Amino acid sequence: MNEDDDQRADDLERVLDEGDLARATKMAKKWSTANAQVALAEVQRRSDAHRRDVESGASGAGGSSIDLAAFSRRDEELSSLRAALED
């Protein structure tokens, strides 16, 4: 991944963190299909890595209950974005 791809992923992640799926969709549609797919894949990779870190931290802390709702919401957002790009 090059610097531009990394920046697009950063921008997309920031907008999603702000809860603005409509703006994220509009932004991703302005990019080429290949660039949008790379950005989405990178945001998914980051989210999955963070989820694994949280899960392993919880299991190391005696299996305390953790809330994975934010990760589920991010998965749904990315799925929605992928669908919008296919239209």
PDB file of N, CA and C in Angstrom:
ATOM      1  N   MET A   1       0.847  -1.170   0.000  1.00  0.00           N
ATOM      2  CA  MET A   1       0.000   0.000   0.000  1.00  0.00           C
ATOM      3  C   MET A   1       0.896   1.239   0.000  1.00  0.00           C
ATOM      4  N   ASN A   2       0.541   2.190  -0.844  1.00  0.00           N
ATOM      5  CA  ASN A   2       1.352   3.402  -0.914  1.00  0.00           C
ATOM      6  C   ASN A   2       0.803   4.481   0.018  1.00  0.00           C
ATOM      7  N   GLU A   3       1.488   5.595   0.047  1.00  0.00           N
ATOM      8  CA  GLU A   3       1.133   6.689   0.961  1.00  0.00           C
ATOM      9  C   GLU A   3      -0.266   7.246   0.682  1.00  0.00           C
ATOM     10  N   ASP A   4      -0.629   7.357  -0.608  1.00  0.00           N
ATOM     11  CA  ASP A   4      -1.958   7.862  -0.961  1.00  0.00           C
ATOM     12  C   ASP A   4      -3.055   6.909  -0.482  1.00  0.00           C
ATOM     13  N   ASP A   5      -2.824   5.603  -0.647  1.00  0.00           N
ATOM     14  CA  ASP A   5      -3.791   4.615  -0.171  1.00  0.00           C
ATOM     15  C   ASP A   5      -3.962   4.709   1.341  1.00  0.00           C
ATOM     16  N   ASP A   6      -2.852   4.860   2.028  1.00  0.00           N
ATOM     17  CA  ASP A   6      -2.886   4.970   3.484  1.00  0.00           C
ATOM     18  C   ASP A   6      -3.647   6.219   3.913  1.00  0.00           C
ATOM     19  N   GLN A   7      -3.455   7.323   3.198  1.00  0.00           N
ATOM     20  CA  GLN A   7      -4.153   8.572   3.519  1.00  0.00           C
ATOM     21  C   GLN A   7      -5.651   8.438   3.282  1.00  0.00           C
ATOM     22  N   ARG A   8      -6.025   7.786   2.167  1.00  0.00           N
ATOM     23  CA  ARG A   8      -7.457   7.571   1.898  1.00  0.00           C
ATOM     24  C   ARG A   8      -8.083   6.727   3.007  1.00  0.00           C
ATOM     25  N   ALA A   9      -7.377   5.683   3.450  1.00  0.00           N
ATOM     26  CA  ALA A   9      -7.890   4.840   4.536  1.00  0.00           C
ATOM     27  C   ALA A   9      -8.020   5.647   5.824  1.00  0.00           C
ATOM     28  N   ASP A  10      -7.025   6.494   6.116  1.00  0.00           N
ATOM     29  CA  ASP A  10      -7.097   7.367   7.303  1.00  0.00           C
ATOM     30  C   ASP A  10      -8.320   8.277   7.231  1.00  0.00           C
ATOM     31  N   ASP A  11      -8.527   8.894   6.061  1.00  0.00           N
ATOM     32  CA  ASP A  11      -9.648   9.812   5.879  1.00  0.00           C
ATOM     33  C   ASP A  11     -10.979   9.082   6.032  1.00  0.00           C
ATOM     34  N   LEU A  12     -11.080   7.917   5.416  1.00  0.00           N
ATOM     35  CA  LEU A  12     -12.311   7.139   5.500  1.00  0.00           C
ATOM     36  C   LEU A  12     -12.589   6.708   6.932  1.00  0.00           C
ATOM     37  N   GLU A  13     -11.570   6.254   7.616  1.00  0.00           N
ATOM     38  CA  GLU A  13     -11.722   5.828   9.005  1.00  0.00           C
ATOM     39  C   GLU A  13     -12.158   6.995   9.892  1.00  0.00           C
ATOM     40  N   ARG A  14     -11.578   8.158   9.668  1.00  0.00           N
ATOM     41  CA  ARG A  14     -11.929   9.345  10.459  1.00  0.00           C
ATOM     42  C   ARG A  14     -13.395   9.721  10.268  1.00  0.00           C
ATOM     43  N   VAL A  15     -13.863   9.709   9.027  1.00  0.00           N
ATOM     44  CA  VAL A  15     -15.255  10.063   8.747  1.00  0.00           C
ATOM     45  C   VAL A  15     -16.200   9.020   9.352  1.00  0.00           C
ATOM     46  N   LEU A  16     -15.846   7.765   9.267  1.00  0.00           N
ATOM     47  CA  LEU A  16     -16.671   6.722   9.878  1.00  0.00           C
ATOM     48  C   LEU A  16     -16.676   6.856  11.398  1.00  0.00           C
ATOM     49  N   ASP A  17     -15.533   7.211  11.976  1.00  0.00           N
ATOM     50  CA  ASP A  17     -15.467   7.428  13.422  1.00  0.00           C
ATOM     51  C   ASP A  17     -16.382   8.573  13.852  1.00  0.00           C
ATOM     52  N   GLU A  18     -16.579   9.539  12.954  1.00  0.00           N
ATOM     53  CA  GLU A  18     -17.481  10.658  13.231  1.00  0.00           C
ATOM     54  C   GLU A  18     -18.939  10.245  13.067  1.00  0.00           C
ATOM     55  N   GLY A  19     -19.181   9.043  12.551  1.00  0.00           N
ATOM     56  CA  GLY A  19     -20.537   8.543  12.385  1.00  0.00           C
ATOM     57  C   GLY A  19     -21.235   9.038  11.138  1.00  0.00           C
ATOM     58  N   ASP A  20     -20.480   9.506  10.151  1.00  0.00           N
ATOM     59  CA  ASP A  20     -21.077  10.096   8.951  1.00  0.00           C
ATOM     60  C   ASP A  20     -20.921   9.144   7.759  1.00  0.00           C
ATOM     61  N   LEU A  21     -21.757   8.120   7.739  1.00  0.00           N
ATOM     62  CA  LEU A  21     -21.696   7.117   6.677  1.00  0.00           C
ATOM     63  C   LEU A  21     -22.011   7.720   5.308  1.00  0.00           C
ATOM     64  N   ALA A  22     -22.952   8.649   5.258  1.00  0.00           N
ATOM     65  CA  ALA A  22     -23.305   9.279   3.979  1.00  0.00           C
ATOM     66  C   ALA A  22     -22.103  10.007   3.388  1.00  0.00           C
ATOM     67  N   ARG A  23     -21.391  10.739   4.226  1.00  0.00           N
ATOM     68  CA  ARG A  23     -20.200  11.463   3.747  1.00  0.00           C
ATOM     69  C   ARG A  23     -19.106  10.488   3.337  1.00  0.00           C
ATOM     70  N   ALA A  24     -18.946   9.403   4.083  1.00  0.00           N
ATOM     71  CA  ALA A  24     -17.942   8.392   3.742  1.00  0.00           C
ATOM     72  C   ALA A  24     -18.267   7.760   2.391  1.00  0.00           C
ATOM     73  N   THR A  25     -19.546   7.509   2.159  1.00  0.00           N
ATOM     74  CA  THR A  25     -19.965   6.924   0.881  1.00  0.00           C
ATOM     75  C   THR A  25     -19.675   7.883  -0.265  1.00  0.00           C
ATOM     76  N   LYS A  26     -20.034   9.133  -0.076  1.00  0.00           N
ATOM     77  CA  LYS A  26     -19.793  10.150  -1.105  1.00  0.00           C
ATOM     78  C   LYS A  26     -18.294  10.266  -1.398  1.00  0.00           C
ATOM     79  N   MET A  27     -17.499  10.263  -0.345  1.00  0.00           N
ATOM     80  CA  MET A  27     -16.050  10.377  -0.499  1.00  0.00           C
ATOM     81  C   MET A  27     -15.501   9.178  -1.276  1.00  0.00           C
ATOM     82  N   ALA A  28     -15.901   7.968  -0.891  1.00  0.00           N
ATOM     83  CA  ALA A  28     -15.382   6.760  -1.536  1.00  0.00           C
ATOM     84  C   ALA A  28     -15.801   6.682  -3.003  1.00  0.00           C
ATOM     85  N   LYS A  29     -16.991   7.193  -3.315  1.00  0.00           N
ATOM     86  CA  LYS A  29     -17.462   7.165  -4.705  1.00  0.00           C
ATOM     87  C   LYS A  29     -16.672   8.115  -5.602  1.00  0.00           C
ATOM     88  N   LYS A  30     -15.991   9.079  -5.011  1.00  0.00           N
ATOM     89  CA  LYS A  30     -15.171  10.010  -5.794  1.00  0.00           C
ATOM     90  C   LYS A  30     -13.850   9.369  -6.205  1.00  0.00           C
ATOM     91  N   TRP A  31     -13.443   8.335  -5.477  1.00  0.00           N
ATOM     92  CA  TRP A  31     -12.188   7.658  -5.796  1.00  0.00           C
ATOM     93  C   TRP A  31     -12.420   6.630  -6.894  1.00  0.00           C
ATOM     94  N   SER A  32     -11.318   6.207  -7.504  1.00  0.00           N
ATOM     95  CA  SER A  32     -11.455   5.114  -8.462  1.00  0.00           C
ATOM     96  C   SER A  32     -11.899   3.869  -7.695  1.00  0.00           C
ATOM     97  N   THR A  33     -12.493   2.939  -8.397  1.00  0.00           N
ATOM     98  CA  THR A  33     -12.962   1.709  -7.754  1.00  0.00           C
ATOM     99  C   THR A  33     -11.816   0.997  -7.046  1.00  0.00           C
ATOM    100  N   ALA A  34     -10.679   0.925  -7.700  1.00  0.00           N
ATOM    101  CA  ALA A  34      -9.522   0.249  -7.104  1.00  0.00           C
ATOM    102  C   ALA A  34      -9.070   0.962  -5.829  1.00  0.00           C
ATOM    103  N   ASN A  35      -8.997   2.285  -5.872  1.00  0.00           N
ATOM    104  CA  ASN A  35      -8.567   3.034  -4.685  1.00  0.00           C
ATOM    105  C   ASN A  35      -9.569   2.884  -3.541  1.00  0.00           C
ATOM    106  N   ALA A  36     -10.841   2.907  -3.861  1.00  0.00           N
ATOM    107  CA  ALA A  36     -11.869   2.750  -2.827  1.00  0.00           C
ATOM    108  C   ALA A  36     -11.784   1.363  -2.206  1.00  0.00           C
ATOM    109  N   GLN A  37     -11.574   0.351  -3.016  1.00  0.00           N
ATOM    110  CA  GLN A  37     -11.468  -1.016  -2.496  1.00  0.00           C
ATOM    111  C   GLN A  37     -10.250  -1.171  -1.587  1.00  0.00           C
ATOM    112  N   VAL A  38      -9.150  -0.560  -1.957  1.00  0.00           N
ATOM    113  CA  VAL A  38      -7.943  -0.619  -1.123  1.00  0.00           C
ATOM    114  C   VAL A  38      -8.197   0.073   0.214  1.00  0.00           C
ATOM    115  N   ALA A  39      -8.836   1.232   0.177  1.00  0.00           N
ATOM    116  CA  ALA A  39      -9.127   1.972   1.414  1.00  0.00           C
ATOM    117  C   ALA A  39     -10.072   1.178   2.309  1.00  0.00           C
ATOM    118  N   LEU A  40     -11.112   0.608   1.726  1.00  0.00           N
ATOM    119  CA  LEU A  40     -12.052  -0.196   2.512  1.00  0.00           C
ATOM    120  C   LEU A  40     -11.360  -1.409   3.119  1.00  0.00           C
ATOM    121  N   ALA A  41     -10.529  -2.062   2.342  1.00  0.00           N
ATOM    122  CA  ALA A  41      -9.817  -3.239   2.847  1.00  0.00           C
ATOM    123  C   ALA A  41      -8.882  -2.862   3.994  1.00  0.00           C
ATOM    124  N   GLU A  42      -8.239  -1.706   3.884  1.00  0.00           N
ATOM    125  CA  GLU A  42      -7.331  -1.273   4.945  1.00  0.00           C
ATOM    126  C   GLU A  42      -8.089  -0.909   6.219  1.00  0.00           C
ATOM    127  N   VAL A  43      -9.217  -0.232   6.088  1.00  0.00           N
ATOM    128  CA  VAL A  43     -10.024   0.099   7.263  1.00  0.00           C
ATOM    129  C   VAL A  43     -10.520  -1.190   7.918  1.00  0.00           C
ATOM    130  N   GLN A  44     -10.923  -2.166   7.109  1.00  0.00           N
ATOM    131  CA  GLN A  44     -11.372  -3.456   7.649  1.00  0.00           C
ATOM    132  C   GLN A  44     -10.226  -4.153   8.363  1.00  0.00           C
ATOM    133  N   ARG A  45      -9.036  -4.125   7.761  1.00  0.00           N
ATOM    134  CA  ARG A  45      -7.864  -4.765   8.364  1.00  0.00           C
ATOM    135  C   ARG A  45      -7.546  -4.135   9.714  1.00  0.00           C
ATOM    136  N   ARG A  46      -7.598  -2.815   9.771  1.00  0.00           N
ATOM    137  CA  ARG A  46      -7.316  -2.111  11.026  1.00  0.00           C
ATOM    138  C   ARG A  46      -8.348  -2.455  12.100  1.00  0.00           C
ATOM    139  N   SER A  47      -9.613  -2.487  11.698  1.00  0.00           N
ATOM    140  CA  SER A  47     -10.679  -2.808  12.637  1.00  0.00           C
ATOM    141  C   SER A  47     -10.528  -4.231  13.159  1.00  0.00           C
ATOM    142  N   ASP A  48     -10.227  -5.155  12.258  1.00  0.00           N
ATOM    143  CA  ASP A  48     -10.039  -6.556  12.666  1.00  0.00           C
ATOM    144  C   ASP A  48      -8.857  -6.703  13.619  1.00  0.00           C
ATOM    145  N   ALA A  49      -7.771  -5.988  13.341  1.00  0.00           N
ATOM    146  CA  ALA A  49      -6.593  -6.048  14.217  1.00  0.00           C
ATOM    147  C   ALA A  49      -6.923  -5.476  15.594  1.00  0.00           C
ATOM    148  N   HIS A  50      -7.653  -4.381  15.626  1.00  0.00           N
ATOM    149  CA  HIS A  50      -8.041  -3.772  16.902  1.00  0.00           C
ATOM    150  C   HIS A  50      -8.960  -4.706  17.679  1.00  0.00           C
ATOM    151  N   ARG A  51      -9.895  -5.342  16.967  1.00  0.00           N
ATOM    152  CA  ARG A  51     -10.807  -6.292  17.607  1.00  0.00           C
ATOM    153  C   ARG A  51     -10.014  -7.441  18.232  1.00  0.00           C
ATOM    154  N   ARG A  52      -9.032  -7.974  17.493  1.00  0.00           N
ATOM    155  CA  ARG A  52      -8.200  -9.063  18.041  1.00  0.00           C
ATOM    156  C   ARG A  52      -7.437  -8.604  19.275  1.00  0.00           C
ATOM    157  N   ASP A  53      -6.930  -7.379  19.240  1.00  0.00           N
ATOM    158  CA  ASP A  53      -6.211  -6.841  20.410  1.00  0.00           C
ATOM    159  C   ASP A  53      -7.132  -6.742  21.616  1.00  0.00           C
ATOM    160  N   VAL A  54      -8.347  -6.256  21.403  1.00  0.00           N
ATOM    161  CA  VAL A  54      -9.312  -6.109  22.489  1.00  0.00           C
ATOM    162  C   VAL A  54      -9.691  -7.484  23.036  1.00  0.00           C
ATOM    163  N   GLU A  55      -9.951  -8.420  22.134  1.00  0.00           N
ATOM    164  CA  GLU A  55     -10.340  -9.763  22.558  1.00  0.00           C
ATOM    165  C   GLU A  55      -9.213 -10.465  23.315  1.00  0.00           C
ATOM    166  N   SER A  56      -7.992 -10.306  22.833  1.00  0.00           N
ATOM    167  CA  SER A  56      -6.880 -10.969  23.527  1.00  0.00           C
ATOM    168  C   SER A  56      -6.602 -10.288  24.862  1.00  0.00           C
ATOM    169  N   GLY A  57      -6.818  -8.979  24.942  1.00  0.00           N
ATOM    170  CA  GLY A  57      -6.662  -8.276  26.217  1.00  0.00           C
ATOM    171  C   GLY A  57      -7.702  -8.724  27.225  1.00  0.00           C
ATOM    172  N   ALA A  58      -8.911  -8.975  26.742  1.00  0.00           N
ATOM    173  CA  ALA A  58      -9.983  -9.434  27.634  1.00  0.00           C
ATOM    174  C   ALA A  58      -9.716 -10.854  28.106  1.00  0.00           C
ATOM    175  N   SER A  59      -9.212 -11.690  27.213  1.00  0.00           N
ATOM    176  CA  SER A  59      -8.942 -13.065  27.631  1.00  0.00           C
ATOM    177  C   SER A  59      -7.764 -13.102  28.595  1.00  0.00           C
ATOM    178  N   GLY A  60      -6.838 -12.178  28.449  1.00  0.00           N
ATOM    179  CA  GLY A  60      -5.709 -12.087  29.373  1.00  0.00           C
ATOM    180  C   GLY A  60      -6.111 -11.505  30.711  1.00  0.00           C
ATOM    181  N   ALA A  61      -7.261 -10.821  30.729  1.00  0.00           N
ATOM    182  CA  ALA A  61      -7.742 -10.209  31.964  1.00  0.00           C
ATOM    183  C   ALA A  61      -8.761 -11.099  32.660  1.00  0.00           C
ATOM    184  N   GLY A  62      -8.690 -12.374  32.380  1.00  0.00           N
ATOM    185  CA  GLY A  62      -9.576 -13.304  33.060  1.00  0.00           C
ATOM    186  C   GLY A  62     -10.904 -13.505  32.369  1.00  0.00           C
ATOM    187  N   GLY A  63     -10.952 -13.181  31.071  1.00  0.00           N
ATOM    188  CA  GLY A  63     -12.170 -13.412  30.302  1.00  0.00           C
ATOM    189  C   GLY A  63     -13.300 -12.466  30.633  1.00  0.00           C
ATOM    190  N   SER A  64     -12.957 -11.262  31.096  1.00  0.00           N
ATOM    191  CA  SER A  64     -14.026 -10.315  31.403  1.00  0.00           C
ATOM    192  C   SER A  64     -14.815  -9.986  30.145  1.00  0.00           C
ATOM    193  N   SER A  65     -16.052  -9.638  30.352  1.00  0.00           N
ATOM    194  CA  SER A  65     -16.965  -9.336  29.252  1.00  0.00           C
ATOM    195  C   SER A  65     -16.509  -8.082  28.519  1.00  0.00           C
ATOM    196  N   ILE A  66     -16.531  -8.160  27.197  1.00  0.00           N
ATOM    197  CA  ILE A  66     -16.155  -7.000  26.388  1.00  0.00           C
ATOM    198  C   ILE A  66     -17.302  -6.669  25.445  1.00  0.00           C
ATOM    199  N   ASP A  67     -17.394  -5.408  25.090  1.00  0.00           N
ATOM    200  CA  ASP A  67     -18.442  -4.937  24.196  1.00  0.00           C
ATOM    201  C   ASP A  67     -17.868  -4.829  22.782  1.00  0.00           C
ATOM    202  N   LEU A  68     -18.368  -5.660  21.894  1.00  0.00           N
ATOM    203  CA  LEU A  68     -17.886  -5.657  20.517  1.00  0.00           C
ATOM    204  C   LEU A  68     -18.838  -4.920  19.578  1.00  0.00           C
ATOM    205  N   ALA A  69     -19.777  -4.167  20.143  1.00  0.00           N
ATOM    206  CA  ALA A  69     -20.771  -3.468  19.328  1.00  0.00           C
ATOM    207  C   ALA A  69     -20.127  -2.486  18.351  1.00  0.00           C
ATOM    208  N   ALA A  70     -19.078  -1.806  18.769  1.00  0.00           N
ATOM    209  CA  ALA A  70     -18.418  -0.846  17.876  1.00  0.00           C
ATOM    210  C   ALA A  70     -17.821  -1.562  16.665  1.00  0.00           C
ATOM    211  N   PHE A  71     -17.309  -2.762  16.882  1.00  0.00           N
ATOM    212  CA  PHE A  71     -16.729  -3.517  15.775  1.00  0.00           C
ATOM    213  C   PHE A  71     -17.815  -4.027  14.832  1.00  0.00           C
ATOM    214  N   SER A  72     -18.918  -4.456  15.395  1.00  0.00           N
ATOM    215  CA  SER A  72     -20.054  -4.895  14.572  1.00  0.00           C
ATOM    216  C   SER A  72     -20.592  -3.731  13.752  1.00  0.00           C
ATOM    217  N   ARG A  73     -20.685  -2.564  14.376  1.00  0.00           N
ATOM    218  CA  ARG A  73     -21.151  -1.368  13.673  1.00  0.00           C
ATOM    219  C   ARG A  73     -20.196  -1.014  12.533  1.00  0.00           C
ATOM    220  N   ARG A  74     -18.894  -1.104  12.769  1.00  0.00           N
ATOM    221  CA  ARG A  74     -17.918  -0.802  11.709  1.00  0.00           C
ATOM    222  C   ARG A  74     -18.043  -1.811  10.571  1.00  0.00           C
ATOM    223  N   ASP A  75     -18.245  -3.095  10.902  1.00  0.00           N
ATOM    224  CA  ASP A  75     -18.440  -4.110   9.867  1.00  0.00           C
ATOM    225  C   ASP A  75     -19.655  -3.774   9.009  1.00  0.00           C
ATOM    226  N   GLU A  76     -20.738  -3.338   9.655  1.00  0.00           N
ATOM    227  CA  GLU A  76     -21.956  -2.962   8.933  1.00  0.00           C
ATOM    228  C   GLU A  76     -21.723  -1.739   8.051  1.00  0.00           C
ATOM    229  N   GLU A  77     -20.995  -0.767   8.572  1.00  0.00           N
ATOM    230  CA  GLU A  77     -20.686   0.435   7.786  1.00  0.00           C
ATOM    231  C   GLU A  77     -19.885   0.068   6.540  1.00  0.00           C
ATOM    232  N   LEU A  78     -18.879  -0.769   6.708  1.00  0.00           N
ATOM    233  CA  LEU A  78     -18.039  -1.153   5.577  1.00  0.00           C
ATOM    234  C   LEU A  78     -18.822  -1.990   4.570  1.00  0.00           C
ATOM    235  N   SER A  79     -19.705  -2.822   5.061  1.00  0.00           N
ATOM    236  CA  SER A  79     -20.557  -3.616   4.172  1.00  0.00           C
ATOM    237  C   SER A  79     -21.468  -2.695   3.365  1.00  0.00           C
ATOM    238  N   SER A  80     -22.014  -1.699   4.007  1.00  0.00           N
ATOM    239  CA  SER A  80     -22.874  -0.726   3.340  1.00  0.00           C
ATOM    240  C   SER A  80     -22.086   0.058   2.285  1.00  0.00           C
ATOM    241  N   LEU A  81     -20.885   0.443   2.620  1.00  0.00           N
ATOM    242  CA  LEU A  81     -20.037   1.151   1.675  1.00  0.00           C
ATOM    243  C   LEU A  81     -19.722   0.290   0.454  1.00  0.00           C
ATOM    244  N   ARG A  82     -19.400  -0.975   0.696  1.00  0.00           N
ATOM    245  CA  ARG A  82     -19.110  -1.878  -0.426  1.00  0.00           C
ATOM    246  C   ARG A  82     -20.322  -1.997  -1.352  1.00  0.00           C
ATOM    247  N   ALA A  83     -21.501  -2.139  -0.752  1.00  0.00           N
ATOM    248  CA  ALA A  83     -22.728  -2.242  -1.540  1.00  0.00           C
ATOM    249  C   ALA A  83     -22.971  -0.969  -2.353  1.00  0.00           C
ATOM    250  N   ALA A  84     -22.740   0.181  -1.743  1.00  0.00           N
ATOM    251  CA  ALA A  84     -22.943   1.458  -2.436  1.00  0.00           C
ATOM    252  C   ALA A  84     -21.979   1.601  -3.611  1.00  0.00           C
ATOM    253  N   LEU A  85     -20.776   1.091  -3.464  1.00  0.00           N
ATOM    254  CA  LEU A  85     -19.799   1.200  -4.547  1.00  0.00           C
ATOM    255  C   LEU A  85     -20.119   0.271  -5.707  1.00  0.00           C
ATOM    256  N   GLU A  86     -20.890  -0.779  -5.430  1.00  0.00           N
ATOM    257  CA  GLU A  86     -21.270  -1.709  -6.486  1.00  0.00           C
ATOM    258  C   GLU A  86     -22.420  -1.194  -7.323  1.00  0.00           C
ATOM    259  N   ASP A  87     -23.144  -0.199  -6.812  1.00  0.00           N
ATOM    260  CA  ASP A  87     -24.300   0.350  -7.563  1.00  0.00           C
ATOM    261  C   ASP A  87     -23.856   1.102  -8.789  1.00  0.00           C
TER     262      ASP A  87
END
